[in-house]
C-alpha atoms as a PDB file:
ATOM      1  CA  MET A   1    -177.813  27.146 -51.606  1.00  0.00           C
ATOM      2  CA  ASN A   2    -176.386  29.628 -54.176  1.00  0.00           C
ATOM      3  CA  LYS A   3    -173.902  31.434 -51.895  1.00  0.00           C
ATOM      4  CA  LYS A   4    -171.518  34.066 -53.307  1.00  0.00           C
ATOM      5  CA  LEU A   5    -167.758  33.967 -52.675  1.00  0.00           C
ATOM      6  CA  SER A   6    -167.878  37.488 -51.154  1.00  0.00           C
ATOM      7  CA  GLN A   7    -170.272  36.123 -48.521  1.00  0.00           C
ATOM      8  CA  ASP A   8    -167.946  33.345 -47.423  1.00  0.00           C
ATOM      9  CA  ILE A   9    -166.577  34.104 -43.946  1.00  0.00           C
ATOM     10  CA  TRP A  10    -163.217  32.369 -44.447  1.00  0.00           C
ATOM     11  CA  PHE A  11    -162.559  34.152 -47.739  1.00  0.00           C
ATOM     12  CA  ARG A  12    -163.381  37.511 -46.166  1.00  0.00           C
ATOM     13  CA  LEU A  13    -161.166  36.838 -43.117  1.00  0.00           C
ATOM     14  CA  SER A  14    -158.230  35.786 -45.309  1.00  0.00           C
ATOM     15  CA  PHE A  15    -158.515  38.620 -47.804  1.00  0.00           C
ATOM     16  CA  TRP A  16    -159.424  41.561 -45.580  1.00  0.00           C
ATOM     17  CA  GLY A  17    -157.572  40.228 -42.549  1.00  0.00           C
ATOM     18  CA  GLY A  18    -154.310  40.101 -44.508  1.00  0.00           C
ATOM     19  CA  LEU A  19    -154.834  43.622 -45.870  1.00  0.00           C
ATOM     20  CA  LEU A  20    -155.747  45.100 -42.492  1.00  0.00           C
ATOM     21  CA  LEU A  21    -152.922  43.393 -40.610  1.00  0.00           C
ATOM     22  CA  GLY A  22    -150.404  44.308 -43.319  1.00  0.00           C
ATOM     23  CA  GLY A  23    -151.636  47.908 -43.298  1.00  0.00           C
ATOM     24  CA  LEU A  24    -151.447  48.065 -39.508  1.00  0.00           C
ATOM     25  CA  LEU A  25    -147.860  46.764 -39.486  1.00  0.00           C
ATOM     26  CA  SER A  26    -146.918  49.224 -42.230  1.00  0.00           C
ATOM     27  CA  LEU A  27    -148.388  52.089 -40.213  1.00  0.00           C
ATOM     28  CA  LEU A  28    -146.424  51.055 -37.112  1.00  0.00           C
ATOM     29  CA  LEU A  29    -143.227  50.881 -39.117  1.00  0.00           C
ATOM     30  CA  ILE A  30    -143.805  54.326 -40.583  1.00  0.00           C
ATOM     31  CA  LEU A  31    -144.543  55.834 -37.183  1.00  0.00           C
ATOM     32  CA  ASN A  32    -141.521  54.235 -35.540  1.00  0.00           C
ATOM     33  CA  ASN A  33    -138.958  55.043 -38.247  1.00  0.00           C
ATOM     34  CA  ASP A  34    -137.644  58.378 -39.471  1.00  0.00           C
ATOM     35  CA  LEU A  35    -138.391  58.007 -43.173  1.00  0.00           C
ATOM     36  CA  GLU A  36    -137.581  60.468 -45.935  1.00  0.00           C
ATOM     37  CA  PHE A  37    -138.429  60.519 -49.636  1.00  0.00           C
ATOM     38  CA  CYS A  38    -135.630  58.976 -51.653  1.00  0.00           C
ATOM     39  CA  ALA A  39    -135.514  57.933 -55.335  1.00  0.00           C
ATOM     40  CA  GLN A  40    -132.237  56.027 -55.211  1.00  0.00           C
ATOM     41  CA  LEU A  41    -131.970  52.278 -55.707  1.00  0.00           C
ATOM     42  CA  THR A  42    -130.498  51.779 -52.234  1.00  0.00           C
ATOM     43  CA  CYS A  43    -133.532  53.507 -50.753  1.00  0.00           C
ATOM     44  CA  TYR A  44    -135.843  51.175 -52.658  1.00  0.00           C
ATOM     45  CA  SER A  45    -133.995  48.122 -51.376  1.00  0.00           C
ATOM     46  CA  TYR A  46    -134.154  49.502 -47.845  1.00  0.00           C
ATOM     47  CA  SER A  47    -137.915  50.052 -48.177  1.00  0.00           C
ATOM     48  CA  LEU A  48    -138.450  46.444 -49.336  1.00  0.00           C
ATOM     49  CA  GLU A  49    -136.395  45.196 -46.423  1.00  0.00           C
ATOM     50  CA  LEU A  50    -138.207  47.447 -43.943  1.00  0.00           C
ATOM     51  CA  PHE A  51    -141.692  46.526 -45.147  1.00  0.00           C
ATOM     52  CA  ALA A  52    -140.919  42.829 -45.783  1.00  0.00           C
ATOM     53  CA  LEU A  53    -143.143  41.638 -42.918  1.00  0.00           C
ATOM     54  CA  PRO A  54    -146.265  43.641 -43.925  1.00  0.00           C
ATOM     55  CA  ILE A  55    -145.753  42.577 -47.532  1.00  0.00           C
ATOM     56  CA  HIS A  56    -145.524  38.895 -46.494  1.00  0.00           C
ATOM     57  CA  VAL A  57    -148.604  39.240 -44.305  1.00  0.00           C
ATOM     58  CA  VAL A  58    -150.630  40.747 -47.169  1.00  0.00           C
ATOM     59  CA  ALA A  59    -149.295  38.131 -49.619  1.00  0.00           C
ATOM     60  CA  SER A  60    -150.140  35.330 -47.197  1.00  0.00           C
ATOM     61  CA  GLY A  61    -153.661  36.699 -46.784  1.00  0.00           C
ATOM     62  CA  MET A  62    -154.081  36.843 -50.566  1.00  0.00           C
ATOM     63  CA  ALA A  63    -152.774  33.270 -50.920  1.00  0.00           C
ATOM     64  CA  LEU A  64    -155.169  32.020 -48.250  1.00  0.00           C
ATOM     65  CA  ALA A  65    -158.023  33.899 -49.919  1.00  0.00           C
ATOM     66  CA  ALA A  66    -157.116  32.354 -53.301  1.00  0.00           C
ATOM     67  CA  PHE A  67    -156.946  28.881 -51.718  1.00  0.00           C
ATOM     68  CA  ARG A  68    -160.328  29.398 -50.057  1.00  0.00           C
ATOM     69  CA  ALA A  69    -161.762  30.638 -53.372  1.00  0.00           C
ATOM     70  CA  THR A  70    -160.580  27.418 -55.052  1.00  0.00           C
ATOM     71  CA  ILE A  71    -162.234  25.278 -52.360  1.00  0.00           C
ATOM     72  CA  PHE A  72    -165.384  27.397 -52.504  1.00  0.00           C
ATOM     73  CA  ARG A  73    -165.695  27.014 -56.271  1.00  0.00           C
ATOM     74  CA  SER A  74    -165.071  23.270 -55.962  1.00  0.00           C
ATOM     75  CA  ASP A  75    -167.847  22.996 -53.363  1.00  0.00           C
ATOM     76  CA  GLN A  76    -170.159  25.028 -55.568  1.00  0.00           C
ATOM     77  CA  THR A  77    -169.364  22.791 -58.544  1.00  0.00           C
ATOM     78  CA  ASN A  78    -170.054  19.643 -56.497  1.00  0.00           C
ATOM     79  CA  THR A  79    -173.337  21.115 -55.305  1.00  0.00           C
ATOM     80  CA  GLN A  80    -174.353  21.897 -58.878  1.00  0.00           C
ATOM     81  CA  ILE A  81    -173.366  18.404 -60.004  1.00  0.00           C
ATOM     82  CA  GLU A  82    -175.385  16.802 -57.192  1.00  0.00           C
ATOM     83  CA  ALA A  83    -178.376  18.990 -58.049  1.00  0.00           C
ATOM     84  CA  ALA A  84    -178.064  17.993 -61.714  1.00  0.00           C
ATOM     85  CA  ILE A  85    -177.875  14.307 -60.751  1.00  0.00           C
ATOM     86  CA  VAL A  86    -180.999  14.590 -58.589  1.00  0.00           C
ATOM     87  CA  GLN A  87    -182.819  16.439 -61.354  1.00  0.00           C
ATOM     88  CA  ASN A  88    -181.721  13.837 -63.884  1.00  0.00           C
ATOM     89  CA  ARG A  89    -182.879  11.006 -61.614  1.00  0.00           C
ATOM     90  CA  PHE A  90    -186.260  12.643 -61.214  1.00  0.00           C
ATOM     91  CA  LYS A  91    -186.588  13.045 -64.989  1.00  0.00           C
ATOM     92  CA  ASN A  92    -185.512   9.430 -65.535  1.00  0.00           C
ATOM     93  CA  TYR A  93    -188.079   8.309 -62.954  1.00  0.00           C
ATOM     94  CA  ILE A  94    -190.897  10.221 -64.647  1.00  0.00           C
ATOM     95  CA  ASP A  95    -189.858   9.100 -68.139  1.00  0.00           C
ATOM     96  CA  HIS A  96    -189.423   5.489 -67.030  1.00  0.00           C
ATOM     97  CA  LYS A  97    -192.855   5.375 -65.426  1.00  0.00           C
ATOM     98  CA  LYS A  98    -194.371   6.995 -68.516  1.00  0.00           C
ATOM     99  CA  GLU A  99    -192.789   4.372 -70.783  1.00  0.00           C
ATOM    100  CA  PHE A 100    -194.136   1.648 -68.496  1.00  0.00           C
ATOM    101  CA  MET A 101    -197.644   3.075 -68.809  1.00  0.00           C
ATOM    102  CA  ASN A 102    -197.223   3.234 -72.598  1.00  0.00           C
ATOM    103  CA  LEU A 103    -196.280  -0.446 -72.540  1.00  0.00           C
ATOM    104  CA  LEU A 104    -199.472  -1.270 -70.637  1.00  0.00           C
ATOM    105  CA  ASP A 105    -201.521   0.859 -73.061  1.00  0.00           C
ATOM    106  CA  ALA A 106    -200.115  -1.070 -76.012  1.00  0.00           C
ATOM    107  CA  PHE A 107    -200.772  -4.385 -74.288  1.00  0.00           C
ATOM    108  CA  GLU A 108    -204.382  -3.460 -73.540  1.00  0.00           C
ATOM    109  CA  SER A 109    -204.946  -2.467 -77.166  1.00  0.00           C
ATOM    110  CA  SER A 110    -203.382  -5.661 -78.501  1.00  0.00           C
ATOM    111  CA  TYR A 111    -205.229  -8.126 -76.262  1.00  0.00           C
ATOM    112  CA  ASP A 112    -208.457  -6.345 -75.304  1.00  0.00           C
ATOM    113  CA  VAL A 113    -207.839  -6.457 -71.551  1.00  0.00           C
ATOM    114  CA  LYS A 114    -207.765  -3.842 -68.785  1.00  0.00           C
ATOM    115  CA  ILE A 115    -205.002  -3.166 -66.278  1.00  0.00           C
ATOM    116  CA  LYS A 116    -206.383  -0.862 -63.605  1.00  0.00           C
ATOM    117  CA  SER A 117    -203.953  -0.637 -60.657  1.00  0.00           C
ATOM    118  CA  ARG A 118    -201.022   0.581 -62.730  1.00  0.00           C
ATOM    119  CA  LEU A 119    -199.174   2.607 -60.105  1.00  0.00           C
ATOM    120  CA  TYR A 120    -199.456  -0.291 -57.657  1.00  0.00           C
ATOM    121  CA  LEU A 121    -198.125  -2.639 -60.351  1.00  0.00           C
ATOM    122  CA  TYR A 122    -195.173  -0.324 -61.076  1.00  0.00           C
ATOM    123  CA  LYS A 123    -194.282  -0.121 -57.383  1.00  0.00           C
ATOM    124  CA  ASN A 124    -194.394  -3.908 -57.067  1.00  0.00           C
ATOM    125  CA  ILE A 125    -192.122  -4.422 -60.066  1.00  0.00           C
ATOM    126  CA  PHE A 126    -189.719  -1.563 -59.204  1.00  0.00           C
ATOM    127  CA  PRO A 127    -189.842  -1.365 -55.377  1.00  0.00           C
ATOM    128  CA  GLU A 128    -186.638   0.694 -55.124  1.00  0.00           C
ATOM    129  CA  ASN A 129    -187.580   3.390 -57.624  1.00  0.00           C
ATOM    130  CA  SER A 130    -188.469   6.884 -56.459  1.00  0.00           C
ATOM    131  CA  PRO A 131    -187.869  10.483 -57.625  1.00  0.00           C
ATOM    132  CA  THR A 132    -184.411  10.320 -55.981  1.00  0.00           C
ATOM    133  CA  ARG A 133    -183.497   6.683 -56.772  1.00  0.00           C
ATOM    134  CA  MET A 134    -183.728   5.003 -60.156  1.00  0.00           C
ATOM    135  CA  LYS A 135    -183.116   1.446 -61.373  1.00  0.00           C
ATOM    136  CA  PHE A 136    -184.122   0.038 -64.734  1.00  0.00           C
ATOM    137  CA  ASP A 137    -183.861  -3.637 -63.779  1.00  0.00           C
ATOM    138  CA  SER A 138    -186.584  -5.008 -61.529  1.00  0.00           C
ATOM    139  CA  LYS A 139    -185.671  -6.762 -58.310  1.00  0.00           C
ATOM    140  CA  ASN A 140    -186.829  -6.998 -54.720  1.00  0.00           C
ATOM    141  CA  LEU A 141    -185.332  -4.918 -51.932  1.00  0.00           C
ATOM    142  CA  ASN A 142    -183.576  -7.873 -50.276  1.00  0.00           C
ATOM    143  CA  ASN A 143    -182.501 -10.047 -53.205  1.00  0.00           C
ATOM    144  CA  ASP A 144    -182.244 -10.294 -56.977  1.00  0.00           C
ATOM    145  CA  LYS A 145    -185.593 -12.062 -57.446  1.00  0.00           C
ATOM    146  CA  SER A 146    -188.124  -9.868 -59.189  1.00  0.00           C
ATOM    147  CA  TRP A 147    -191.853  -9.651 -58.599  1.00  0.00           C
ATOM    148  CA  ILE A 148    -192.152 -11.061 -62.118  1.00  0.00           C
ATOM    149  CA  ASP A 149    -190.111 -14.148 -61.198  1.00  0.00           C
ATOM    150  CA  SER A 150    -192.389 -15.020 -58.289  1.00  0.00           C
ATOM    151  CA  PHE A 151    -195.598 -14.887 -60.303  1.00  0.00           C
ATOM    152  CA  LEU A 152    -194.023 -16.486 -63.361  1.00  0.00           C
ATOM    153  CA  THR A 153    -193.219 -19.538 -61.222  1.00  0.00           C
ATOM    154  CA  GLN A 154    -196.872 -19.706 -60.172  1.00  0.00           C
ATOM    155  CA  PHE A 155    -198.008 -19.267 -63.766  1.00  0.00           C
ATOM    156  CA  ASN A 156    -195.792 -22.081 -65.065  1.00  0.00           C
ATOM    157  CA  GLU A 157    -197.098 -24.391 -62.355  1.00  0.00           C
ATOM    158  CA  SER A 158    -200.657 -23.382 -63.244  1.00  0.00           C
ATOM    159  CA  ILE A 159    -200.032 -24.187 -66.929  1.00  0.00           C
ATOM    160  CA  LYS A 160    -198.723 -27.663 -66.108  1.00  0.00           C
ATOM    161  CA  GLU A 161    -201.732 -28.446 -63.933  1.00  0.00           C
ATOM    162  CA  PHE A 162    -204.072 -27.062 -66.592  1.00  0.00           C
ATOM    163  CA  GLU A 163    -202.509 -29.285 -69.263  1.00  0.00           C
ATOM    164  CA  GLY A 164    -203.049 -32.345 -67.076  1.00  0.00           C
ATOM    165  CA  LEU A 165    -206.689 -31.461 -66.376  1.00  0.00           C
ATOM    166  CA  HIS A 166    -207.341 -30.607 -70.025  1.00  0.00           C
ATOM    167  CA  MET A 167    -205.831 -33.898 -71.206  1.00  0.00           C
ATOM    168  CA  ARG A 168    -208.016 -35.893 -68.805  1.00  0.00           C
ATOM    169  CA  ILE A 169    -211.119 -34.035 -70.017  1.00  0.00           C
ATOM    170  CA  SER A 170    -210.202 -34.420 -73.706  1.00  0.00           C
ATOM    171  CA  VAL A 171    -209.651 -38.203 -73.613  1.00  0.00           C
ATOM    172  CA  ASN A 172    -212.618 -38.853 -71.315  1.00  0.00           C
ATOM    173  CA  TYR A 173    -210.409 -41.023 -69.140  1.00  0.00           C
ATOM    174  CA  ASN A 174    -210.276 -40.457 -65.423  1.00  0.00           C
ATOM    175  CA  SER A 175    -212.037 -37.144 -65.983  1.00  0.00           C
ATOM    176  CA  PRO A 176    -211.290 -34.673 -63.158  1.00  0.00           C
ATOM    177  CA  SER A 177    -213.968 -33.937 -60.608  1.00  0.00           C
ATOM    178  CA  ASN A 178    -215.500 -30.519 -60.162  1.00  0.00           C
ATOM    179  CA  ASN A 179    -213.541 -30.226 -56.936  1.00  0.00           C
ATOM    180  CA  GLU A 180    -210.222 -30.724 -58.763  1.00  0.00           C
ATOM    181  CA  ILE A 181    -211.126 -28.221 -61.449  1.00  0.00           C
ATOM    182  CA  ALA A 182    -212.420 -25.727 -58.879  1.00  0.00           C
ATOM    183  CA  ARG A 183    -209.189 -25.962 -56.894  1.00  0.00           C
ATOM    184  CA  TRP A 184    -207.141 -25.163 -60.001  1.00  0.00           C
ATOM    185  CA  LEU A 185    -209.568 -22.476 -61.218  1.00  0.00           C
ATOM    186  CA  SER A 186    -209.660 -20.718 -57.855  1.00  0.00           C
ATOM    187  CA  SER A 187    -205.858 -20.508 -57.776  1.00  0.00           C
ATOM    188  CA  TYR A 188    -205.776 -19.319 -61.404  1.00  0.00           C
ATOM    189  CA  LEU A 189    -208.352 -16.573 -60.822  1.00  0.00           C
ATOM    190  CA  MET A 190    -206.345 -15.358 -57.826  1.00  0.00           C
ATOM    191  CA  LEU A 191    -203.231 -15.203 -60.006  1.00  0.00           C
ATOM    192  CA  ILE A 192    -205.092 -13.183 -62.656  1.00  0.00           C
ATOM    193  CA  HIS A 193    -206.219 -10.755 -59.958  1.00  0.00           C
ATOM    194  CA  GLN A 194    -202.683 -10.386 -58.559  1.00  0.00           C
ATOM    195  CA  LEU A 195    -201.382  -9.689 -62.060  1.00  0.00           C
ATOM    196  CA  ASP A 196    -204.075  -6.988 -62.379  1.00  0.00           C
ATOM    197  CA  ILE A 197    -205.402  -8.358 -65.690  1.00  0.00           C
ATOM    198  CA  ASN A 198    -209.131  -7.894 -66.259  1.00  0.00           C
ATOM    199  CA  PHE A 199    -210.729  -9.863 -69.089  1.00  0.00           C
ATOM    200  CA  PRO A 200    -213.897  -8.476 -70.693  1.00  0.00           C
ATOM    201  CA  ARG A 201    -217.028 -10.615 -70.719  1.00  0.00           C
ATOM    202  CA  SER A 202    -215.809 -12.566 -67.678  1.00  0.00           C
ATOM    203  CA  GLN A 203    -218.589 -14.225 -65.694  1.00  0.00           C
ATOM    204  CA  MET A 204    -219.079 -14.520 -61.965  1.00  0.00           C
ATOM    205  CA  VAL A 205    -218.777 -17.884 -60.232  1.00  0.00           C
ATOM    206  CA  SER A 206    -222.211 -19.243 -59.343  1.00  0.00           C
ATOM    207  CA  GLU A 207    -223.452 -18.806 -55.805  1.00  0.00           C
ATOM    208  CA  SER A 208    -223.645 -22.605 -55.605  1.00  0.00           C
ATOM    209  CA  PHE A 209    -219.842 -22.868 -55.688  1.00  0.00           C
ATOM    210  CA  LYS A 210    -218.822 -19.816 -53.655  1.00  0.00           C
ATOM    211  CA  GLY A 211    -217.469 -22.036 -50.892  1.00  0.00           C
ATOM    212  CA  LEU A 212    -214.749 -23.350 -53.225  1.00  0.00           C
ATOM    213  CA  PHE A 213    -213.511 -19.930 -54.323  1.00  0.00           C
ATOM    214  CA  SER A 214    -212.365 -16.641 -52.856  1.00  0.00           C
ATOM    215  CA  SER A 215    -214.702 -14.748 -50.562  1.00  0.00           C
ATOM    216  CA  TYR A 216    -214.307 -11.652 -52.800  1.00  0.00           C
ATOM    217  CA  ASP A 217    -216.618 -11.444 -55.820  1.00  0.00           C
ATOM    218  CA  HIS A 218    -214.239  -9.258 -57.834  1.00  0.00           C
ATOM    219  CA  ILE A 219    -211.707 -12.129 -57.865  1.00  0.00           C
ATOM    220  CA  ASN A 220    -214.176 -14.863 -58.857  1.00  0.00           C
ATOM    221  CA  MET A 221    -214.499 -13.747 -62.483  1.00  0.00           C
ATOM    222  CA  ILE A 222    -213.980 -16.553 -65.025  1.00  0.00           C
ATOM    223  CA  PRO A 223    -212.545 -15.493 -68.423  1.00  0.00           C
ATOM    224  CA  PRO A 224    -214.699 -16.511 -71.427  1.00  0.00           C
ATOM    225  CA  ASN A 225    -211.887 -18.654 -72.869  1.00  0.00           C
ATOM    226  CA  ILE A 226    -209.295 -20.169 -70.538  1.00  0.00           C
ATOM    227  CA  GLY A 227    -206.904 -21.177 -73.315  1.00  0.00           C
ATOM    228  CA  GLU A 228    -206.839 -17.663 -74.752  1.00  0.00           C
ATOM    229  CA  SER A 229    -206.410 -16.170 -71.289  1.00  0.00           C
ATOM    230  CA  LEU A 230    -203.325 -18.343 -70.740  1.00  0.00           C
ATOM    231  CA  LEU A 231    -201.865 -17.064 -74.005  1.00  0.00           C
ATOM    232  CA  VAL A 232    -202.608 -13.462 -73.016  1.00  0.00           C
ATOM    233  CA  ILE A 233    -200.896 -13.871 -69.643  1.00  0.00           C
ATOM    234  CA  SER A 234    -197.921 -15.525 -71.347  1.00  0.00           C
ATOM    235  CA  ALA A 235    -197.596 -12.487 -73.648  1.00  0.00           C
ATOM    236  CA  TYR A 236    -198.026 -10.231 -70.591  1.00  0.00           C
ATOM    237  CA  PHE A 237    -195.029 -11.800 -68.880  1.00  0.00           C
ATOM    238  CA  LYS A 238    -192.926 -11.527 -72.036  1.00  0.00           C
ATOM    239  CA  ASP A 239    -193.758  -7.819 -72.461  1.00  0.00           C
ATOM    240  CA  LEU A 240    -193.085  -7.055 -68.800  1.00  0.00           C
ATOM    241  CA  ALA A 241    -189.825  -8.993 -68.854  1.00  0.00           C
ATOM    242  CA  SER A 242    -188.573  -7.192 -71.961  1.00  0.00           C
ATOM    243  CA  PHE A 243    -189.073  -3.879 -70.136  1.00  0.00           C
ATOM    244  CA  CYS A 244    -188.349  -4.794 -66.514  1.00  0.00           C
ATOM    245  CA  LEU A 245    -185.714  -7.538 -66.798  1.00  0.00           C
ATOM    246  CA  PRO A 246    -183.562  -6.513 -69.778  1.00  0.00           C
ATOM    247  CA  SER A 247    -180.492  -8.215 -68.326  1.00  0.00           C
ATOM    248  CA  ARG A 248    -182.251 -11.575 -67.930  1.00  0.00           C
ATOM    249  CA  ILE A 249    -184.796 -11.707 -70.754  1.00  0.00           C
ATOM    250  CA  GLU A 250    -183.046 -14.624 -72.475  1.00  0.00           C
ATOM    251  CA  GLY A 251    -183.181 -16.707 -69.310  1.00  0.00           C
ATOM    252  CA  LEU A 252    -186.849 -16.094 -68.645  1.00  0.00           C
ATOM    253  CA  LYS A 253    -188.741 -19.375 -69.045  1.00  0.00           C
ATOM    254  CA  ILE A 254    -192.435 -19.520 -69.896  1.00  0.00           C
ATOM    255  CA  ASP A 255    -193.802 -23.031 -70.326  1.00  0.00           C
ATOM    256  CA  GLY A 256    -195.592 -23.889 -73.546  1.00  0.00           C
ATOM    257  CA  ILE A 257    -199.393 -23.882 -73.661  1.00  0.00           C
ATOM    258  CA  VAL A 258    -201.395 -26.622 -75.338  1.00  0.00           C
ATOM    259  CA  THR A 259    -204.086 -25.724 -77.844  1.00  0.00           C
ATOM    260  CA  THR A 260    -207.506 -26.098 -76.296  1.00  0.00           C
ATOM    261  CA  ASP A 261    -210.570 -27.495 -78.073  1.00  0.00           C
ATOM    262  CA  GLY A 262    -213.243 -25.846 -75.954  1.00  0.00           C
ATOM    263  CA  ARG A 263    -214.001 -28.867 -73.786  1.00  0.00           C
ATOM    264  CA  PHE A 264    -212.373 -27.329 -70.747  1.00  0.00           C
ATOM    265  CA  ASP A 265    -214.503 -24.188 -71.087  1.00  0.00           C
ATOM    266  CA  GLU A 266    -217.586 -26.403 -71.392  1.00  0.00           C
ATOM    267  CA  ARG A 267    -216.727 -28.009 -68.087  1.00  0.00           C
ATOM    268  CA  LEU A 268    -216.348 -24.587 -66.505  1.00  0.00           C
ATOM    269  CA  LYS A 269    -219.956 -23.720 -67.260  1.00  0.00           C
ATOM    270  CA  VAL A 270    -220.972 -25.730 -64.227  1.00  0.00           C
ATOM    271  CA  PHE A 271    -219.274 -23.060 -62.088  1.00  0.00           C
ATOM    272  CA  ILE A 272    -221.169 -20.277 -63.844  1.00  0.00           C
ATOM    273  CA  ASP A 273    -224.666 -21.742 -64.230  1.00  0.00           C
ATOM    274  CA  ASP A 274    -226.754 -23.282 -61.483  1.00  0.00           C
ATOM    275  CA  GLN A 275    -227.272 -26.327 -63.686  1.00  0.00           C
ATOM    276  CA  GLY A 276    -230.974 -26.617 -62.945  1.00  0.00           C
ATOM    277  CA  LEU A 277    -230.647 -26.702 -59.161  1.00  0.00           C
ATOM    278  CA  ASP A 278    -233.706 -25.749 -57.157  1.00  0.00           C
ATOM    279  CA  LYS A 279    -233.586 -22.148 -56.021  1.00  0.00           C
ATOM    280  CA  GLY A 280    -231.976 -21.841 -52.618  1.00  0.00           C
ATOM    281  CA  LYS A 281    -230.555 -25.378 -52.701  1.00  0.00           C
ATOM    282  CA  LYS A 282    -226.822 -25.674 -52.234  1.00  0.00           C
ATOM    283  CA  HIS A 283    -224.643 -27.656 -54.607  1.00  0.00           C
ATOM    284  CA  PRO A 284    -223.515 -31.004 -53.168  1.00  0.00           C
ATOM    285  CA  LEU A 285    -219.853 -29.915 -53.342  1.00  0.00           C
ATOM    286  CA  THR A 286    -220.452 -26.965 -51.005  1.00  0.00           C
ATOM    287  CA  SER A 287    -222.946 -28.496 -48.606  1.00  0.00           C
END
């Protein structure tokens, strides 16, 4: 509230109260004393002595008014500073969110993917940020673990399991069953969905295997190349960490990804095609 000093009740009481009381005392002194005009120095001294009390009352009122004016200006300055801080926080919040969206735009252009729920993603990564509260380092409300940390742990575990499955497929020794691959693939597709990464040309899981995957079709979308998708997600985490975890970027660990030869994607075709099954017949794994 932009209040003027002249409108402050305490300033007005101090200033005008001192003047009125001093004037009233002076009037009483004049009425109760036989005063004559005198230009001598002794008369001047007598006048100062006679009107000492009214003069002190007026001076005290002025001093109180000056003191109140100092406090008032200090309060006004603090209010302006607080308003500037709030305005600056709001600007930082808008600019920060804009830079985050620019980061996602650049990532989409570089890797030919789509990130749709951007505002939801921002809120997950920066749960404490708002127009009146601003933090540049991501963390949860109750601890220092970021949303990125939680999903990065899942991603690293997914990479390790993928490497094991891929190795078994590549050497044709103890090749994994469709059930094993489906269990890993289902978890991986859920992770992709939670990260809000949408790969173009993804294909829906066949109806024959729906019992092994999520009940939501929009999650059961298999990327055209699993190896490339792992690389894209790895780059996604690195880009997010550079923006959202600047204080811990050096300590962020993303496990290495083996180079794939296409055999794993060949095995995944069984989950996309019906593989010659009679129409309406369920796959043995889901029956």
